Amino acid sequence: MERRKVLVLNGVNLGRLGVREPNVYGNVSHAEIADRLVSVGASLGLQVEVRQTDDETELVHWLHEAADGEIPVVLNPAAWSHYSIALRDAASQRTADLVEVHLSNIHTREEFRHHSVISAVASGVIAGLGPLGYELALQFIAARR
């Protein structure tokens, strides 16, 4: 049986996980999270591809790729969550589930982080559960086949 492809897309500064504000984001690196998600995805019958970019345009193109291919997405837009209308418009074109994930609880942080422009076009939102949030998003996608 062919595994369903899922893109896990991470935005700006998430490549710095493990060294960036470990008191907020923890000590686990992006590479460690990516390896774990590929493994968890395989156990769920998913083919998970994890990508990270600090280039907003690249992330928009990846969302277009997912929409064109009817590929589910787990998206951590990072800081772009709070103001990128371009990213929101790309996410709104989704043709499969899109789950927005935040490692930290954006609602307990600075006021400007309390609102996400992505949430209104997502299938669901997970915030504040650290890397486990990605795994739960994959479980949701696997259950929706």
N, C-alpha and C. Protein backbone atom coordinates (compact mmCIF):
# COMPACT_ATOMS: atom_id res chain seq x y z
N MET A 1 0.84 -1.19 0.00
CA MET A 1 0.00 0.00 0.00
C MET A 1 0.89 1.25 0.00
N GLU A 2 0.56 2.17 -0.88
CA GLU A 2 1.33 3.40 -0.98
C GLU A 2 1.00 4.32 0.20
N ARG A 3 2.04 4.89 0.76
CA ARG A 3 1.84 5.81 1.88
C ARG A 3 1.40 7.18 1.37
N ARG A 4 0.49 7.79 2.11
CA ARG A 4 0.01 9.14 1.77
C ARG A 4 1.09 10.15 2.14
N LYS A 5 1.39 11.04 1.21
CA LYS A 5 2.41 12.05 1.44
C LYS A 5 1.84 13.17 2.30
N VAL A 6 2.65 13.66 3.24
CA VAL A 6 2.32 14.80 4.08
C VAL A 6 3.54 15.71 4.13
N LEU A 7 3.32 16.99 3.96
CA LEU A 7 4.40 17.97 4.12
C LEU A 7 4.31 18.60 5.50
N VAL A 8 5.42 18.62 6.22
CA VAL A 8 5.54 19.37 7.46
C VAL A 8 6.40 20.57 7.11
N LEU A 9 5.79 21.75 7.14
CA LEU A 9 6.45 22.98 6.70
C LEU A 9 6.68 23.89 7.88
N ASN A 10 7.93 24.29 8.06
CA ASN A 10 8.32 25.15 9.18
C ASN A 10 8.88 26.46 8.68
N GLY A 11 8.44 27.53 9.31
CA GLY A 11 8.82 28.87 8.90
C GLY A 11 10.06 29.41 9.57
N VAL A 12 10.12 30.69 9.51
CA VAL A 12 11.29 31.48 9.88
C VAL A 12 11.81 31.18 11.29
N ASN A 13 13.10 31.06 11.41
CA ASN A 13 13.86 30.85 12.65
C ASN A 13 13.72 29.45 13.25
N LEU A 14 12.86 28.59 12.69
CA LEU A 14 12.70 27.27 13.28
C LEU A 14 13.89 26.36 13.01
N GLY A 15 14.71 26.70 12.05
CA GLY A 15 15.97 25.98 11.85
C GLY A 15 16.93 26.17 13.00
N ARG A 16 16.65 27.13 13.87
CA ARG A 16 17.50 27.45 15.03
C ARG A 16 17.03 26.75 16.31
N LEU A 17 16.03 25.88 16.18
CA LEU A 17 15.55 25.17 17.37
C LEU A 17 16.71 24.42 18.03
N GLY A 18 16.67 24.37 19.34
CA GLY A 18 17.73 23.74 20.11
C GLY A 18 18.72 24.76 20.66
N VAL A 19 18.88 25.87 19.94
CA VAL A 19 19.76 26.95 20.41
C VAL A 19 19.00 28.25 20.59
N ARG A 20 17.87 28.39 19.94
CA ARG A 20 17.08 29.63 20.01
C ARG A 20 16.14 29.57 21.21
N GLU A 21 16.30 30.45 22.14
CA GLU A 21 15.42 30.56 23.30
C GLU A 21 14.95 29.20 23.82
N PRO A 22 15.88 28.39 24.32
CA PRO A 22 15.49 27.05 24.79
C PRO A 22 14.48 27.09 25.93
N ASN A 23 14.42 28.18 26.66
CA ASN A 23 13.41 28.30 27.72
C ASN A 23 12.00 28.40 27.15
N VAL A 24 11.87 28.79 25.89
CA VAL A 24 10.57 28.89 25.22
C VAL A 24 10.33 27.68 24.31
N TYR A 25 11.36 27.32 23.53
CA TYR A 25 11.20 26.32 22.47
C TYR A 25 11.84 24.96 22.78
N GLY A 26 12.53 24.85 23.90
CA GLY A 26 13.15 23.58 24.27
C GLY A 26 14.53 23.40 23.67
N ASN A 27 15.11 22.24 23.94
CA ASN A 27 16.49 21.95 23.54
C ASN A 27 16.58 21.00 22.35
N VAL A 28 15.46 20.62 21.79
CA VAL A 28 15.45 19.68 20.68
C VAL A 28 15.67 20.44 19.37
N SER A 29 16.56 19.94 18.54
CA SER A 29 16.87 20.62 17.28
C SER A 29 15.80 20.33 16.23
N HIS A 30 15.79 21.16 15.20
CA HIS A 30 14.88 20.95 14.07
C HIS A 30 15.15 19.59 13.43
N ALA A 31 16.42 19.23 13.27
CA ALA A 31 16.77 17.95 12.67
C ALA A 31 16.24 16.78 13.50
N GLU A 32 16.32 16.90 14.81
CA GLU A 32 15.80 15.83 15.68
C GLU A 32 14.28 15.71 15.56
N ILE A 33 13.61 16.84 15.52
CA ILE A 33 12.16 16.83 15.34
C ILE A 33 11.81 16.21 13.99
N ALA A 34 12.52 16.60 12.94
CA ALA A 34 12.26 16.09 11.60
C ALA A 34 12.42 14.57 11.56
N ASP A 35 13.50 14.07 12.12
CA ASP A 35 13.74 12.62 12.15
C ASP A 35 12.60 11.90 12.87
N ARG A 36 12.18 12.46 13.99
CA ARG A 36 11.09 11.85 14.76
C ARG A 36 9.79 11.83 13.95
N LEU A 37 9.50 12.92 13.25
CA LEU A 37 8.24 13.01 12.50
C LEU A 37 8.22 12.04 11.32
N VAL A 38 9.35 11.83 10.68
CA VAL A 38 9.42 10.85 9.59
C VAL A 38 9.12 9.46 10.14
N SER A 39 9.67 9.15 11.30
CA SER A 39 9.45 7.85 11.94
C SER A 39 8.00 7.68 12.39
N VAL A 40 7.47 8.68 13.07
CA VAL A 40 6.07 8.63 13.52
C VAL A 40 5.14 8.53 12.31
N GLY A 41 5.42 9.31 11.29
CA GLY A 41 4.60 9.26 10.09
C GLY A 41 4.58 7.87 9.47
N ALA A 42 5.74 7.24 9.38
CA ALA A 42 5.81 5.89 8.81
C ALA A 42 4.96 4.92 9.61
N SER A 43 4.98 5.05 10.94
CA SER A 43 4.17 4.16 11.77
C SER A 43 2.67 4.39 11.58
N LEU A 44 2.31 5.57 11.06
CA LEU A 44 0.91 5.91 10.78
C LEU A 44 0.53 5.66 9.32
N GLY A 45 1.47 5.14 8.55
CA GLY A 45 1.22 4.91 7.14
C GLY A 45 1.36 6.15 6.28
N LEU A 46 2.13 7.12 6.75
CA LEU A 46 2.32 8.38 6.03
C LEU A 46 3.77 8.50 5.56
N GLN A 47 3.95 9.14 4.44
CA GLN A 47 5.27 9.50 3.95
C GLN A 47 5.47 10.98 4.28
N VAL A 48 6.22 11.25 5.32
CA VAL A 48 6.38 12.62 5.82
C VAL A 48 7.66 13.24 5.27
N GLU A 49 7.51 14.43 4.72
CA GLU A 49 8.66 15.22 4.28
C GLU A 49 8.65 16.51 5.09
N VAL A 50 9.75 16.77 5.78
CA VAL A 50 9.86 17.96 6.64
C VAL A 50 10.76 18.98 5.94
N ARG A 51 10.27 20.21 5.89
CA ARG A 51 11.03 21.31 5.27
C ARG A 51 11.02 22.51 6.21
N GLN A 52 12.08 23.32 6.12
CA GLN A 52 12.16 24.56 6.90
C GLN A 52 12.76 25.63 6.01
N THR A 53 12.23 26.85 6.13
CA THR A 53 12.76 27.97 5.36
C THR A 53 12.67 29.26 6.16
N ASP A 54 13.60 30.15 5.87
CA ASP A 54 13.55 31.51 6.39
C ASP A 54 13.11 32.48 5.28
N ASP A 55 12.65 31.92 4.17
CA ASP A 55 12.23 32.70 3.00
C ASP A 55 10.71 32.54 2.83
N GLU A 56 9.98 33.61 3.08
CA GLU A 56 8.52 33.57 3.01
C GLU A 56 8.02 33.14 1.63
N THR A 57 8.68 33.59 0.58
CA THR A 57 8.28 33.23 -0.77
C THR A 57 8.39 31.73 -0.99
N GLU A 58 9.45 31.13 -0.49
CA GLU A 58 9.62 29.69 -0.63
C GLU A 58 8.48 28.93 0.07
N LEU A 59 8.10 29.39 1.25
CA LEU A 59 7.01 28.75 1.98
C LEU A 59 5.69 28.88 1.22
N VAL A 60 5.44 30.02 0.61
CA VAL A 60 4.25 30.20 -0.22
C VAL A 60 4.26 29.20 -1.37
N HIS A 61 5.41 29.03 -2.02
CA HIS A 61 5.50 28.08 -3.14
C HIS A 61 5.24 26.64 -2.67
N TRP A 62 5.73 26.29 -1.48
CA TRP A 62 5.48 24.95 -0.94
C TRP A 62 3.99 24.73 -0.67
N LEU A 63 3.32 25.76 -0.20
CA LEU A 63 1.87 25.65 0.02
C LEU A 63 1.13 25.49 -1.30
N HIS A 64 1.59 26.18 -2.35
CA HIS A 64 1.01 26.01 -3.68
C HIS A 64 1.22 24.58 -4.17
N GLU A 65 2.42 24.05 -3.96
CA GLU A 65 2.73 22.66 -4.33
C GLU A 65 1.77 21.70 -3.65
N ALA A 66 1.55 21.92 -2.34
CA ALA A 66 0.64 21.05 -1.59
C ALA A 66 -0.79 21.17 -2.13
N ALA A 67 -1.23 22.38 -2.41
CA ALA A 67 -2.59 22.57 -2.93
C ALA A 67 -2.74 21.89 -4.30
N ASP A 68 -1.76 22.06 -5.16
CA ASP A 68 -1.83 21.47 -6.49
C ASP A 68 -1.82 19.95 -6.43
N GLY A 69 -1.12 19.39 -5.45
CA GLY A 69 -1.01 17.94 -5.33
C GLY A 69 -1.98 17.31 -4.35
N GLU A 70 -2.89 18.12 -3.78
CA GLU A 70 -3.84 17.64 -2.76
C GLU A 70 -3.10 16.94 -1.62
N ILE A 71 -2.03 17.57 -1.17
CA ILE A 71 -1.16 17.02 -0.13
C ILE A 71 -1.50 17.68 1.21
N PRO A 72 -1.79 16.90 2.24
CA PRO A 72 -2.01 17.49 3.57
C PRO A 72 -0.73 18.17 4.08
N VAL A 73 -0.94 19.19 4.91
CA VAL A 73 0.18 19.98 5.43
C VAL A 73 0.05 20.14 6.93
N VAL A 74 1.18 19.98 7.61
CA VAL A 74 1.33 20.42 8.99
C VAL A 74 2.20 21.66 8.89
N LEU A 75 1.68 22.80 9.31
CA LEU A 75 2.35 24.09 9.09
C LEU A 75 2.63 24.79 10.41
N ASN A 76 3.91 25.09 10.63
CA ASN A 76 4.29 25.99 11.70
C ASN A 76 4.83 27.25 11.02
N PRO A 77 3.96 28.25 10.85
CA PRO A 77 4.38 29.45 10.14
C PRO A 77 5.29 30.36 10.96
N ALA A 78 5.46 30.05 12.23
CA ALA A 78 6.32 30.83 13.12
C ALA A 78 5.85 32.30 13.13
N ALA A 79 6.76 33.24 13.12
CA ALA A 79 6.39 34.66 13.23
C ALA A 79 5.46 35.12 12.12
N TRP A 80 5.53 34.45 10.96
CA TRP A 80 4.65 34.84 9.86
C TRP A 80 3.18 34.60 10.19
N SER A 81 2.91 33.78 11.19
CA SER A 81 1.52 33.51 11.62
C SER A 81 0.76 34.78 11.90
N HIS A 82 1.44 35.76 12.40
CA HIS A 82 0.80 36.92 13.00
C HIS A 82 0.55 38.08 12.02
N TYR A 83 1.13 37.98 10.81
CA TYR A 83 0.96 39.13 9.92
C TYR A 83 1.02 38.83 8.43
N SER A 84 1.40 37.63 8.02
CA SER A 84 1.61 37.38 6.60
C SER A 84 0.31 37.05 5.88
N ILE A 85 -0.25 38.03 5.22
CA ILE A 85 -1.45 37.83 4.44
C ILE A 85 -1.12 36.97 3.21
N ALA A 86 0.08 37.10 2.68
CA ALA A 86 0.50 36.27 1.54
C ALA A 86 0.48 34.79 1.92
N LEU A 87 0.98 34.48 3.10
CA LEU A 87 0.98 33.10 3.58
C LEU A 87 -0.44 32.61 3.84
N ARG A 88 -1.25 33.47 4.41
CA ARG A 88 -2.66 33.13 4.67
C ARG A 88 -3.39 32.83 3.37
N ASP A 89 -3.15 33.66 2.35
CA ASP A 89 -3.80 33.46 1.07
C ASP A 89 -3.35 32.16 0.42
N ALA A 90 -2.08 31.82 0.54
CA ALA A 90 -1.58 30.55 0.01
C ALA A 90 -2.20 29.38 0.77
N ALA A 91 -2.28 29.48 2.09
CA ALA A 91 -2.87 28.41 2.91
C ALA A 91 -4.36 28.24 2.60
N SER A 92 -5.03 29.32 2.26
CA SER A 92 -6.47 29.24 1.99
C SER A 92 -6.77 28.47 0.71
N GLN A 93 -5.78 28.24 -0.11
CA GLN A 93 -5.96 27.50 -1.35
C GLN A 93 -5.84 25.99 -1.15
N ARG A 94 -5.73 25.57 0.07
CA ARG A 94 -5.50 24.15 0.37
C ARG A 94 -6.60 23.28 -0.23
N THR A 95 -6.19 22.07 -0.61
CA THR A 95 -7.13 21.10 -1.16
C THR A 95 -7.13 19.82 -0.32
N ALA A 96 -6.45 19.87 0.80
CA ALA A 96 -6.39 18.77 1.77
C ALA A 96 -6.24 19.42 3.14
N ASP A 97 -6.26 18.60 4.18
CA ASP A 97 -6.15 19.16 5.53
C ASP A 97 -4.86 19.96 5.72
N LEU A 98 -4.97 21.02 6.50
CA LEU A 98 -3.82 21.82 6.91
C LEU A 98 -3.99 22.05 8.40
N VAL A 99 -3.00 21.58 9.17
CA VAL A 99 -3.03 21.76 10.62
C VAL A 99 -1.92 22.74 10.99
N GLU A 100 -2.32 23.82 11.65
CA GLU A 100 -1.37 24.83 12.12
C GLU A 100 -0.83 24.38 13.47
N VAL A 101 0.49 24.40 13.62
CA VAL A 101 1.14 23.97 14.85
C VAL A 101 2.06 25.07 15.36
N HIS A 102 2.01 25.29 16.66
CA HIS A 102 2.94 26.19 17.35
C HIS A 102 3.55 25.45 18.52
N LEU A 103 4.86 25.49 18.65
CA LEU A 103 5.53 24.81 19.75
C LEU A 103 5.16 25.41 21.09
N SER A 104 5.11 26.73 21.15
CA SER A 104 4.77 27.41 22.40
C SER A 104 3.28 27.78 22.37
N ASN A 105 2.76 28.12 23.51
CA ASN A 105 1.37 28.56 23.58
C ASN A 105 1.34 30.04 23.25
N ILE A 106 0.96 30.34 22.02
CA ILE A 106 0.99 31.73 21.55
C ILE A 106 0.05 32.63 22.35
N HIS A 107 -0.92 32.05 23.03
CA HIS A 107 -1.90 32.84 23.78
C HIS A 107 -1.41 33.28 25.15
N THR A 108 -0.27 32.75 25.58
CA THR A 108 0.30 33.15 26.88
C THR A 108 1.56 33.97 26.69
N ARG A 109 1.86 34.33 25.47
CA ARG A 109 3.07 35.08 25.17
C ARG A 109 2.74 36.55 24.90
N GLU A 110 3.61 37.25 24.23
CA GLU A 110 3.40 38.67 23.94
C GLU A 110 2.08 38.87 23.19
N GLU A 111 1.46 39.99 23.42
CA GLU A 111 0.15 40.29 22.84
C GLU A 111 0.12 40.11 21.32
N PHE A 112 1.18 40.54 20.63
CA PHE A 112 1.17 40.45 19.17
C PHE A 112 1.14 39.01 18.68
N ARG A 113 1.49 38.04 19.53
CA ARG A 113 1.47 36.63 19.13
C ARG A 113 0.11 35.97 19.35
N HIS A 114 -0.82 36.63 19.99
CA HIS A 114 -2.09 36.01 20.34
C HIS A 114 -2.99 35.72 19.14
N HIS A 115 -2.77 36.38 18.02
CA HIS A 115 -3.62 36.19 16.85
C HIS A 115 -2.81 35.60 15.71
N SER A 116 -3.39 34.64 15.01
CA SER A 116 -2.78 34.07 13.82
C SER A 116 -3.71 34.30 12.64
N VAL A 117 -3.17 34.82 11.55
CA VAL A 117 -3.97 35.01 10.35
C VAL A 117 -4.20 33.68 9.62
N ILE A 118 -3.45 32.65 9.99
CA ILE A 118 -3.55 31.34 9.36
C ILE A 118 -4.72 30.52 9.93
N SER A 119 -4.99 30.68 11.21
CA SER A 119 -5.95 29.82 11.92
C SER A 119 -7.31 29.73 11.23
N ALA A 120 -7.78 30.82 10.67
CA ALA A 120 -9.11 30.85 10.06
C ALA A 120 -9.22 29.97 8.82
N VAL A 121 -8.10 29.61 8.21
CA VAL A 121 -8.13 28.78 7.00
C VAL A 121 -7.55 27.39 7.25
N ALA A 122 -7.25 27.06 8.51
CA ALA A 122 -6.69 25.76 8.87
C ALA A 122 -7.80 24.78 9.25
N SER A 123 -7.52 23.50 9.09
CA SER A 123 -8.45 22.46 9.55
C SER A 123 -8.48 22.42 11.07
N GLY A 124 -7.34 22.71 11.69
CA GLY A 124 -7.22 22.71 13.14
C GLY A 124 -5.95 23.41 13.55
N VAL A 125 -5.86 23.71 14.85
CA VAL A 125 -4.71 24.42 15.40
C VAL A 125 -4.27 23.72 16.68
N ILE A 126 -2.96 23.52 16.81
CA ILE A 126 -2.37 22.93 18.02
C ILE A 126 -1.29 23.89 18.49
N ALA A 127 -1.37 24.31 19.74
CA ALA A 127 -0.38 25.25 20.27
C ALA A 127 0.00 24.88 21.69
N GLY A 128 1.29 25.04 21.98
CA GLY A 128 1.76 24.91 23.35
C GLY A 128 2.16 23.52 23.79
N LEU A 129 2.16 22.55 22.90
CA LEU A 129 2.49 21.18 23.28
C LEU A 129 3.89 20.76 22.85
N GLY A 130 4.70 21.72 22.44
CA GLY A 130 6.05 21.41 22.00
C GLY A 130 6.03 20.51 20.77
N PRO A 131 7.10 19.73 20.56
CA PRO A 131 7.17 18.85 19.38
C PRO A 131 6.04 17.83 19.30
N LEU A 132 5.43 17.50 20.42
CA LEU A 132 4.30 16.57 20.41
C LEU A 132 3.16 17.10 19.55
N GLY A 133 3.03 18.41 19.44
CA GLY A 133 1.98 19.00 18.61
C GLY A 133 2.07 18.53 17.17
N TYR A 134 3.28 18.41 16.63
CA TYR A 134 3.45 17.91 15.27
C TYR A 134 2.94 16.47 15.16
N GLU A 135 3.29 15.65 16.15
CA GLU A 135 2.88 14.24 16.12
C GLU A 135 1.35 14.12 16.18
N LEU A 136 0.72 14.94 17.00
CA LEU A 136 -0.73 14.91 17.09
C LEU A 136 -1.36 15.36 15.77
N ALA A 137 -0.75 16.31 15.11
CA ALA A 137 -1.24 16.75 13.80
C ALA A 137 -1.16 15.61 12.79
N LEU A 138 -0.06 14.86 12.82
CA LEU A 138 0.07 13.71 11.91
C LEU A 138 -0.97 12.65 12.22
N GLN A 139 -1.25 12.43 13.51
CA GLN A 139 -2.30 11.47 13.88
C GLN A 139 -3.65 11.89 13.32
N PHE A 140 -3.95 13.17 13.42
CA PHE A 140 -5.20 13.72 12.88
C PHE A 140 -5.28 13.47 11.38
N ILE A 141 -4.22 13.77 10.67
CA ILE A 141 -4.21 13.60 9.20
C ILE A 141 -4.37 12.12 8.84
N ALA A 142 -3.67 11.25 9.56
CA ALA A 142 -3.76 9.81 9.28
C ALA A 142 -5.19 9.31 9.51
N ALA A 143 -5.86 9.85 10.50
CA ALA A 143 -7.22 9.40 10.84
C ALA A 143 -8.24 9.91 9.81
N ARG A 144 -7.90 10.91 9.04
CA ARG A 144 -8.85 11.56 8.12
C ARG A 144 -8.82 10.94 6.72
N ARG A 145 -8.11 9.87 6.52
CA ARG A 145 -8.02 9.27 5.17
C ARG A 145 -9.37 8.87 4.67
